[in-house]
Each structure stands twice: as C-alpha cells, then as structure tokens.
PDB file of N, CA and C in Angstrom:
ATOM      1  N   MET A   1      -6.798   3.215 -20.642  1.00  0.00           N
ATOM      2  CA  MET A   1      -5.910   2.145 -21.084  1.00  0.00           C
ATOM      3  C   MET A   1      -4.743   2.754 -21.852  1.00  0.00           C
ATOM      4  N   PRO A   2      -3.552   2.249 -21.595  1.00  0.00           N
ATOM      5  CA  PRO A   2      -2.380   2.780 -22.295  1.00  0.00           C
ATOM      6  C   PRO A   2      -2.256   2.260 -23.722  1.00  0.00           C
ATOM      7  N   ILE A   3      -1.546   3.013 -24.524  1.00  0.00           N
ATOM      8  CA  ILE A   3      -1.242   2.611 -25.900  1.00  0.00           C
ATOM      9  C   ILE A   3       0.186   2.090 -25.909  1.00  0.00           C
ATOM     10  N   TYR A   4       0.363   0.856 -26.351  1.00  0.00           N
ATOM     11  CA  TYR A   4       1.686   0.242 -26.427  1.00  0.00           C
ATOM     12  C   TYR A   4       2.156   0.227 -27.870  1.00  0.00           C
ATOM     13  N   GLU A   5       3.462   0.397 -28.051  1.00  0.00           N
ATOM     14  CA  GLU A   5       4.072   0.353 -29.374  1.00  0.00           C
ATOM     15  C   GLU A   5       4.787  -0.983 -29.544  1.00  0.00           C
ATOM     16  N   TYR A   6       4.614  -1.570 -30.715  1.00  0.00           N
ATOM     17  CA  TYR A   6       5.255  -2.838 -31.045  1.00  0.00           C
ATOM     18  C   TYR A   6       6.011  -2.688 -32.347  1.00  0.00           C
ATOM     19  N   GLN A   7       7.056  -3.500 -32.524  1.00  0.00           N
ATOM     20  CA  GLN A   7       7.787  -3.545 -33.790  1.00  0.00           C
ATOM     21  C   GLN A   7       8.062  -5.007 -34.121  1.00  0.00           C
ATOM     22  N   CYS A   8       7.814  -5.370 -35.379  1.00  0.00           N
ATOM     23  CA  CYS A   8       8.057  -6.729 -35.845  1.00  0.00           C
ATOM     24  C   CYS A   8       9.545  -6.905 -36.136  1.00  0.00           C
ATOM     25  N   GLN A   9      10.128  -7.960 -35.575  1.00  0.00           N
ATOM     26  CA  GLN A   9      11.543  -8.249 -35.793  1.00  0.00           C
ATOM     27  C   GLN A   9      11.778  -8.867 -37.171  1.00  0.00           C
ATOM     28  N   ALA A  10      10.720  -9.404 -37.809  1.00  0.00           N
ATOM     29  CA  ALA A  10      10.854 -10.038 -39.124  1.00  0.00           C
ATOM     30  C   ALA A  10      10.769  -9.021 -40.268  1.00  0.00           C
ATOM     31  N   CYS A  11       9.729  -8.157 -40.231  1.00  0.00           N
ATOM     32  CA  CYS A  11       9.532  -7.237 -41.363  1.00  0.00           C
ATOM     33  C   CYS A  11       9.769  -5.770 -41.011  1.00  0.00           C
ATOM     34  N   GLY A  12       9.930  -5.436 -39.721  1.00  0.00           N
ATOM     35  CA  GLY A  12      10.190  -4.055 -39.315  1.00  0.00           C
ATOM     36  C   GLY A  12       8.945  -3.207 -39.156  1.00  0.00           C
ATOM     37  N   ASN A  13       7.756  -3.773 -39.385  1.00  0.00           N
ATOM     38  CA  ASN A  13       6.506  -3.030 -39.254  1.00  0.00           C
ATOM     39  C   ASN A  13       6.315  -2.547 -37.811  1.00  0.00           C
ATOM     40  N   GLU A  14       5.894  -1.283 -37.654  1.00  0.00           N
ATOM     41  CA  GLU A  14       5.586  -0.746 -36.333  1.00  0.00           C
ATOM     42  C   GLU A  14       4.080  -0.686 -36.176  1.00  0.00           C
ATOM     43  N   HIS A  15       3.619  -0.987 -34.961  1.00  0.00           N
ATOM     44  CA  HIS A  15       2.193  -1.125 -34.701  1.00  0.00           C
ATOM     45  C   HIS A  15       1.882  -0.580 -33.310  1.00  0.00           C
ATOM     46  N   GLU A  16       0.747   0.110 -33.149  1.00  0.00           N
ATOM     47  CA  GLU A  16       0.296   0.582 -31.849  1.00  0.00           C
ATOM     48  C   GLU A  16      -0.947  -0.182 -31.457  1.00  0.00           C
ATOM     49  N   ALA A  17      -1.076  -0.498 -30.151  1.00  0.00           N
ATOM     50  CA  ALA A  17      -2.240  -1.236 -29.679  1.00  0.00           C
ATOM     51  C   ALA A  17      -2.712  -0.653 -28.352  1.00  0.00           C
ATOM     52  N   LEU A  18      -4.027  -0.440 -28.238  1.00  0.00           N
ATOM     53  CA  LEU A  18      -4.648   0.011 -27.014  1.00  0.00           C
ATOM     54  C   LEU A  18      -4.971  -1.233 -26.192  1.00  0.00           C
ATOM     55  N   GLN A  19      -4.277  -1.406 -25.053  1.00  0.00           N
ATOM     56  CA  GLN A  19      -4.418  -2.612 -24.252  1.00  0.00           C
ATOM     57  C   GLN A  19      -4.492  -2.284 -22.773  1.00  0.00           C
ATOM     58  N   LYS A  20      -5.104  -3.178 -22.008  1.00  0.00           N
ATOM     59  CA  LYS A  20      -5.071  -3.069 -20.555  1.00  0.00           C
ATOM     60  C   LYS A  20      -3.648  -3.356 -20.095  1.00  0.00           C
ATOM     61  N   MET A  21      -3.286  -2.810 -18.944  1.00  0.00           N
ATOM     62  CA  MET A  21      -1.948  -3.047 -18.416  1.00  0.00           C
ATOM     63  C   MET A  21      -1.756  -4.522 -18.061  1.00  0.00           C
ATOM     64  N   SER A  22      -2.825  -5.211 -17.713  1.00  0.00           N
ATOM     65  CA  SER A  22      -2.746  -6.614 -17.323  1.00  0.00           C
ATOM     66  C   SER A  22      -2.785  -7.572 -18.520  1.00  0.00           C
ATOM     67  N   ALA A  23      -3.007  -7.043 -19.726  1.00  0.00           N
ATOM     68  CA  ALA A  23      -3.100  -7.893 -20.925  1.00  0.00           C
ATOM     69  C   ALA A  23      -1.734  -8.446 -21.317  1.00  0.00           C
ATOM     70  N   GLU A  24      -1.733  -9.635 -21.883  1.00  0.00           N
ATOM     71  CA  GLU A  24      -0.501 -10.258 -22.389  1.00  0.00           C
ATOM     72  C   GLU A  24      -0.007  -9.465 -23.601  1.00  0.00           C
ATOM     73  N   PRO A  25       1.304  -9.326 -23.772  1.00  0.00           N
ATOM     74  CA  PRO A  25       1.835  -8.631 -24.951  1.00  0.00           C
ATOM     75  C   PRO A  25       1.461  -9.356 -26.246  1.00  0.00           C
ATOM     76  N   LEU A  26       1.259  -8.584 -27.307  1.00  0.00           N
ATOM     77  CA  LEU A  26       0.964  -9.170 -28.618  1.00  0.00           C
ATOM     78  C   LEU A  26       2.231  -9.826 -29.161  1.00  0.00           C
ATOM     79  N   VAL A  27       2.061 -10.894 -29.958  1.00  0.00           N
ATOM     80  CA  VAL A  27       3.228 -11.569 -30.533  1.00  0.00           C
ATOM     81  C   VAL A  27       3.137 -11.711 -32.048  1.00  0.00           C
ATOM     82  N   THR A  28       1.938 -11.700 -32.622  1.00  0.00           N
ATOM     83  CA  THR A  28       1.769 -11.906 -34.055  1.00  0.00           C
ATOM     84  C   THR A  28       1.678 -10.568 -34.780  1.00  0.00           C
ATOM     85  N   CYS A  29       2.539 -10.368 -35.764  1.00  0.00           N
ATOM     86  CA  CYS A  29       2.566  -9.139 -36.549  1.00  0.00           C
ATOM     87  C   CYS A  29       1.321  -9.051 -37.428  1.00  0.00           C
ATOM     88  N   PRO A  30       0.610  -7.905 -37.410  1.00  0.00           N
ATOM     89  CA  PRO A  30      -0.572  -7.763 -38.270  1.00  0.00           C
ATOM     90  C   PRO A  30      -0.223  -7.607 -39.752  1.00  0.00           C
ATOM     91  N   ALA A  31       1.020  -7.264 -40.078  1.00  0.00           N
ATOM     92  CA  ALA A  31       1.425  -7.069 -41.476  1.00  0.00           C
ATOM     93  C   ALA A  31       1.882  -8.366 -42.139  1.00  0.00           C
ATOM     94  N   CYS A  32       2.740  -9.139 -41.450  1.00  0.00           N
ATOM     95  CA  CYS A  32       3.308 -10.331 -42.084  1.00  0.00           C
ATOM     96  C   CYS A  32       2.881 -11.646 -41.411  1.00  0.00           C
ATOM     97  N   SER A  33       2.131 -11.549 -40.323  1.00  0.00           N
ATOM     98  CA  SER A  33       1.606 -12.708 -39.584  1.00  0.00           C
ATOM     99  C   SER A  33       2.687 -13.576 -38.939  1.00  0.00           C
ATOM    100  N   GLU A  34       3.900 -13.080 -38.829  1.00  0.00           N
ATOM    101  CA  GLU A  34       4.976 -13.816 -38.159  1.00  0.00           C
ATOM    102  C   GLU A  34       4.891 -13.566 -36.651  1.00  0.00           C
ATOM    103  N   PRO A  35       5.257 -14.533 -35.823  1.00  0.00           N
ATOM    104  CA  PRO A  35       5.228 -14.348 -34.367  1.00  0.00           C
ATOM    105  C   PRO A  35       6.489 -13.652 -33.848  1.00  0.00           C
ATOM    106  N   GLU A  36       6.795 -12.489 -34.429  1.00  0.00           N
ATOM    107  CA  GLU A  36       8.036 -11.771 -34.116  1.00  0.00           C
ATOM    108  C   GLU A  36       7.795 -10.363 -33.574  1.00  0.00           C
ATOM    109  N   LEU A  37       6.600 -10.099 -33.049  1.00  0.00           N
ATOM    110  CA  LEU A  37       6.270  -8.768 -32.554  1.00  0.00           C
ATOM    111  C   LEU A  37       6.869  -8.561 -31.168  1.00  0.00           C
ATOM    112  N   LYS A  38       7.597  -7.465 -30.970  1.00  0.00           N
ATOM    113  CA  LYS A  38       8.226  -7.135 -29.694  1.00  0.00           C
ATOM    114  C   LYS A  38       7.737  -5.770 -29.230  1.00  0.00           C
ATOM    115  N   LYS A  39       7.450  -5.653 -27.930  1.00  0.00           N
ATOM    116  CA  LYS A  39       6.987  -4.389 -27.355  1.00  0.00           C
ATOM    117  C   LYS A  39       8.157  -3.419 -27.257  1.00  0.00           C
ATOM    118  N   LYS A  40       7.932  -2.178 -27.707  1.00  0.00           N
ATOM    119  CA  LYS A  40       8.947  -1.137 -27.638  1.00  0.00           C
ATOM    120  C   LYS A  40       8.784  -0.364 -26.331  1.00  0.00           C
ATOM    121  N   ILE A  41       9.863   0.216 -25.850  1.00  0.00           N
ATOM    122  CA  ILE A  41       9.817   1.088 -24.689  1.00  0.00           C
ATOM    123  C   ILE A  41       9.718   2.515 -25.207  1.00  0.00           C
ATOM    124  N   SER A  42       8.710   3.252 -24.740  1.00  0.00           N
ATOM    125  CA  SER A  42       8.527   4.622 -25.206  1.00  0.00           C
ATOM    126  C   SER A  42       8.091   5.508 -24.043  1.00  0.00           C
ATOM    127  N   ALA A  43       8.115   6.812 -24.267  1.00  0.00           N
ATOM    128  CA  ALA A  43       7.732   7.779 -23.237  1.00  0.00           C
ATOM    129  C   ALA A  43       6.230   7.759 -23.010  1.00  0.00           C
ATOM    130  N   ALA A  44       5.846   8.108 -21.805  1.00  0.00           N
ATOM    131  CA  ALA A  44       4.422   8.172 -21.468  1.00  0.00           C
ATOM    132  C   ALA A  44       3.761   9.298 -22.243  1.00  0.00           C
ATOM    133  N   GLY A  45       2.498   9.122 -22.570  1.00  0.00           N
ATOM    134  CA  GLY A  45       1.766  10.115 -23.338  1.00  0.00           C
ATOM    135  C   GLY A  45       0.930  11.039 -22.482  1.00  0.00           C
ATOM    136  N   PHE A  46       1.257  11.180 -21.194  1.00  0.00           N
ATOM    137  CA  PHE A  46       0.513  12.075 -20.334  1.00  0.00           C
ATOM    138  C   PHE A  46       1.446  12.734 -19.337  1.00  0.00           C
ATOM    139  N   ARG A  47       0.956  13.810 -18.735  1.00  0.00           N
ATOM    140  CA  ARG A  47       1.728  14.534 -17.727  1.00  0.00           C
ATOM    141  C   ARG A  47       0.878  14.672 -16.484  1.00  0.00           C
ATOM    142  N   LEU A  48       1.493  14.569 -15.326  1.00  0.00           N
ATOM    143  CA  LEU A  48       0.818  14.771 -14.061  1.00  0.00           C
ATOM    144  C   LEU A  48       1.015  16.230 -13.670  1.00  0.00           C
ATOM    145  N   LYS A  49      -0.094  16.970 -13.570  1.00  0.00           N
ATOM    146  CA  LYS A  49      -0.021  18.393 -13.286  1.00  0.00           C
ATOM    147  C   LYS A  49      -0.913  18.730 -12.107  1.00  0.00           C
ATOM    148  N   GLY A  50      -0.664  19.854 -11.478  1.00  0.00           N
ATOM    149  CA  GLY A  50      -1.512  20.338 -10.400  1.00  0.00           C
ATOM    150  C   GLY A  50      -0.894  20.119  -9.029  1.00  0.00           C
ATOM    151  N   ASN A  51      -1.606  20.550  -8.004  1.00  0.00           N
ATOM    152  CA  ASN A  51      -1.120  20.413  -6.632  1.00  0.00           C
ATOM    153  C   ASN A  51      -1.008  18.951  -6.247  1.00  0.00           C
ATOM    154  N   GLY A  52       0.026  18.610  -5.509  1.00  0.00           N
ATOM    155  CA  GLY A  52       0.191  17.256  -5.023  1.00  0.00           C
ATOM    156  C   GLY A  52       1.092  16.387  -5.882  1.00  0.00           C
ATOM    157  N   TRP A  53       1.504  16.838  -7.058  1.00  0.00           N
ATOM    158  CA  TRP A  53       2.379  16.047  -7.919  1.00  0.00           C
ATOM    159  C   TRP A  53       3.794  16.589  -7.800  1.00  0.00           C
ATOM    160  N   TYR A  54       4.756  15.711  -7.879  1.00  0.00           N
ATOM    161  CA  TYR A  54       6.151  16.132  -7.860  1.00  0.00           C
ATOM    162  C   TYR A  54       6.514  16.759  -9.197  1.00  0.00           C
ATOM    163  N   GLU A  55       7.492  17.648  -9.165  1.00  0.00           N
ATOM    164  CA  GLU A  55       7.998  18.238 -10.397  1.00  0.00           C
ATOM    165  C   GLU A  55       8.662  17.136 -11.222  1.00  0.00           C
ATOM    166  N   THR A  56       8.530  17.209 -12.518  1.00  0.00           N
ATOM    167  CA  THR A  56       9.128  16.199 -13.383  1.00  0.00           C
ATOM    168  C   THR A  56      10.066  16.844 -14.382  1.00  0.00           C
ATOM    169  N   ASP A  57      10.752  16.010 -15.139  1.00  0.00           N
ATOM    170  CA  ASP A  57      11.662  16.514 -16.165  1.00  0.00           C
ATOM    171  C   ASP A  57      10.927  17.107 -17.354  1.00  0.00           C
ATOM    172  N   PHE A  58       9.594  16.955 -17.406  1.00  0.00           N
ATOM    173  CA  PHE A  58       8.837  17.492 -18.531  1.00  0.00           C
ATOM    174  C   PHE A  58       8.728  19.006 -18.463  1.00  0.00           C
ATOM    175  N   LYS A  59       8.880  19.584 -17.276  1.00  0.00           N
ATOM    176  CA  LYS A  59       8.740  21.029 -17.140  1.00  0.00           C
ATOM    177  C   LYS A  59       9.967  21.703 -17.746  1.00  0.00           C
ATOM    178  N   GLY A  60       9.747  22.667 -18.588  1.00  0.00           N
ATOM    179  CA  GLY A  60      10.857  23.342 -19.248  1.00  0.00           C
ATOM    180  C   GLY A  60      10.836  24.822 -18.955  1.00  0.00           C
ATOM    181  N   GLY A  61      11.840  25.493 -19.413  1.00  0.00           N
ATOM    182  CA  GLY A  61      11.910  26.936 -19.257  1.00  0.00           C
ATOM    183  C   GLY A  61      12.325  27.346 -17.863  1.00  0.00           C
ATOM    184  N   SER A  62      12.134  28.628 -17.546  1.00  0.00           N
ATOM    185  CA  SER A  62      12.551  29.156 -16.257  1.00  0.00           C
ATOM    186  C   SER A  62      11.360  29.435 -15.357  1.00  0.00           C
ATOM    187  N   LYS A  63      10.234  28.806 -15.602  1.00  0.00           N
ATOM    188  CA  LYS A  63       9.051  29.006 -14.771  1.00  0.00           C
ATOM    189  C   LYS A  63       9.291  28.404 -13.395  1.00  0.00           C
ATOM    190  N   LYS A  64       8.766  29.047 -12.381  1.00  0.00           N
ATOM    191  CA  LYS A  64       8.911  28.575 -11.007  1.00  0.00           C
ATOM    192  C   LYS A  64       7.745  27.655 -10.666  1.00  0.00           C
ATOM    193  N   SER A  65       8.009  26.650  -9.825  1.00  0.00           N
ATOM    194  CA  SER A  65       6.931  25.783  -9.366  1.00  0.00           C
ATOM    195  C   SER A  65       6.108  26.544  -8.329  1.00  0.00           C
ATOM    196  N   GLY A  66       4.978  26.028  -7.951  1.00  0.00           N
ATOM    197  CA  GLY A  66       4.099  26.676  -6.993  1.00  0.00           C
ATOM    198  C   GLY A  66       4.786  26.972  -5.682  1.00  0.00           C
ATOM    199  N   ALA A  67       5.583  26.052  -5.146  1.00  0.00           N
ATOM    200  CA  ALA A  67       6.269  26.242  -3.871  1.00  0.00           C
ATOM    201  C   ALA A  67       7.325  27.338  -3.979  1.00  0.00           C
ATOM    202  N   GLU A  68       8.083  27.365  -5.071  1.00  0.00           N
ATOM    203  CA  GLU A  68       9.123  28.374  -5.240  1.00  0.00           C
ATOM    204  C   GLU A  68       8.521  29.762  -5.426  1.00  0.00           C
ATOM    205  N   ALA A  69       7.428  29.854  -6.173  1.00  0.00           N
ATOM    206  CA  ALA A  69       6.812  31.142  -6.455  1.00  0.00           C
ATOM    207  C   ALA A  69       6.197  31.744  -5.197  1.00  0.00           C
ATOM    208  N   SER A  70       5.605  30.922  -4.318  1.00  0.00           N
ATOM    209  CA  SER A  70       4.961  31.449  -3.123  1.00  0.00           C
ATOM    210  C   SER A  70       5.959  31.747  -2.013  1.00  0.00           C
ATOM    211  N   ALA A  71       7.189  31.238  -2.078  1.00  0.00           N
ATOM    212  CA  ALA A  71       8.192  31.453  -1.037  1.00  0.00           C
ATOM    213  C   ALA A  71       8.766  32.866  -1.094  1.00  0.00           C
ATOM    214  N   LYS A  72       8.762  33.485  -2.250  1.00  0.00           N
ATOM    215  CA  LYS A  72       9.332  34.817  -2.406  1.00  0.00           C
ATOM    216  C   LYS A  72       8.222  35.857  -2.263  1.00  0.00           C
ATOM    217  N   PRO A  73       8.411  36.879  -1.424  1.00  0.00           N
ATOM    218  CA  PRO A  73       7.386  37.923  -1.294  1.00  0.00           C
ATOM    219  C   PRO A  73       7.354  38.774  -2.552  1.00  0.00           C
ATOM    220  N   SER A  74       6.174  39.246  -2.884  1.00  0.00           N
ATOM    221  CA  SER A  74       6.054  40.123  -4.037  1.00  0.00           C
ATOM    222  C   SER A  74       6.512  41.523  -3.654  1.00  0.00           C
ATOM    223  N   GLY A  75       6.729  42.369  -4.631  1.00  0.00           N
ATOM    224  CA  GLY A  75       7.205  43.734  -4.385  1.00  0.00           C
ATOM    225  C   GLY A  75       6.192  44.528  -3.587  1.00  0.00           C
ATOM    226  N   GLY A  76       5.523  45.482  -4.162  1.00  0.00           N
ATOM    227  CA  GLY A  76       4.444  46.238  -3.533  1.00  0.00           C
ATOM    228  C   GLY A  76       4.809  46.823  -2.186  1.00  0.00           C
ATOM    229  N   SER A  77       3.820  46.905  -1.276  1.00  0.00           N
ATOM    230  CA  SER A  77       4.030  47.542   0.018  1.00  0.00           C
ATOM    231  C   SER A  77       4.815  46.660   0.983  1.00  0.00           C
ATOM    232  N   CYS A  78       4.873  45.335   0.754  1.00  0.00           N
ATOM    233  CA  CYS A  78       5.645  44.457   1.636  1.00  0.00           C
ATOM    234  C   CYS A  78       7.127  44.810   1.577  1.00  0.00           C
ATOM    235  N   GLY A  79       7.608  45.184   0.409  1.00  0.00           N
ATOM    236  CA  GLY A  79       9.006  45.515   0.231  1.00  0.00           C
ATOM    237  C   GLY A  79       9.432  46.715   1.081  1.00  0.00           C
ATOM    238  N   SER A  80       8.507  47.618   1.340  1.00  0.00           N
ATOM    239  CA  SER A  80       8.870  48.814   2.130  1.00  0.00           C
ATOM    240  C   SER A  80       8.663  48.586   3.615  1.00  0.00           C
ATOM    241  N   GLY A  81       8.088  47.424   4.020  1.00  0.00           N
ATOM    242  CA  GLY A  81       7.917  47.130   5.425  1.00  0.00           C
ATOM    243  C   GLY A  81       6.668  47.738   6.016  1.00  0.00           C
ATOM    244  N   GLY A  82       5.847  48.422   5.252  1.00  0.00           N
ATOM    245  CA  GLY A  82       4.670  49.089   5.774  1.00  0.00           C
ATOM    246  C   GLY A  82       3.392  48.256   5.681  1.00  0.00           C
ATOM    247  N   CYS A  83       3.483  46.982   5.415  1.00  0.00           N
ATOM    248  CA  CYS A  83       2.282  46.170   5.203  1.00  0.00           C
ATOM    249  C   CYS A  83       1.759  45.548   6.498  1.00  0.00           C
ATOM    250  N   GLY A  84       2.571  45.427   7.522  1.00  0.00           N
ATOM    251  CA  GLY A  84       2.129  44.821   8.766  1.00  0.00           C
ATOM    252  C   GLY A  84       2.452  43.339   8.881  1.00  0.00           C
ATOM    253  N   HIS A  85       2.962  42.722   7.800  1.00  0.00           N
ATOM    254  CA  HIS A  85       3.369  41.305   7.859  1.00  0.00           C
ATOM    255  C   HIS A  85       4.683  41.168   8.598  1.00  0.00           C
ATOM    256  N   LYS A  86       4.870  40.039   9.288  1.00  0.00           N
ATOM    257  CA  LYS A  86       6.159  39.771   9.924  1.00  0.00           C
ATOM    258  C   LYS A  86       7.106  39.228   8.869  1.00  0.00           C
ATOM    259  N   HIS A  87       8.255  39.839   8.690  1.00  0.00           N
ATOM    260  CA  HIS A  87       9.232  39.398   7.679  1.00  0.00           C
ATOM    261  C   HIS A  87      10.450  38.861   8.329  1.00  0.00           C
TER     262      HIS A  87
END
C-alpha cells in the first residue's frame, strides 16, 4: 500500500497516511479537526530495478545500462582478433 502525504489548508499541518490506492482521500485534519485536508503530489518511494524495466531518471552518474554495457566488446583477446568470434 502506498503512503500518501496530506497538508491541512487551515492550519498547515502535514500528515502521512498508509492507504489503499482505491481508498477515498482523507478530508479531516488530525491536528485541528477541520475538513481542509488536501492530498499532496510527491515522488514515488520506490525504484524499479532489474531486467525488463525501462531506464528511469533516477539513475545517476556515468554507469552504463545492461544493454549498453553488453554491446561493447571487452578488451582481452577479442581486441587482437585471435579469439575466434565474428566481429
């Protein structure tokens, strides 16, 4: 279940709630009891990793993805042409 962030428009209190995706949004502030709670938009708290997932903006640095890393031959004997692989 995802964690949703809420902020009260009356008192400014911020609140997190663990809810099902199908659940109705909360409206009553737990701090001031006013019906002014609004759901905030925030970043996801998980990353999709491993084979079969598309690259995302979360990946940083100059690391190569699996497809890019396997496309380039390694040095060793392949570089000299004596390995028997078709290049």
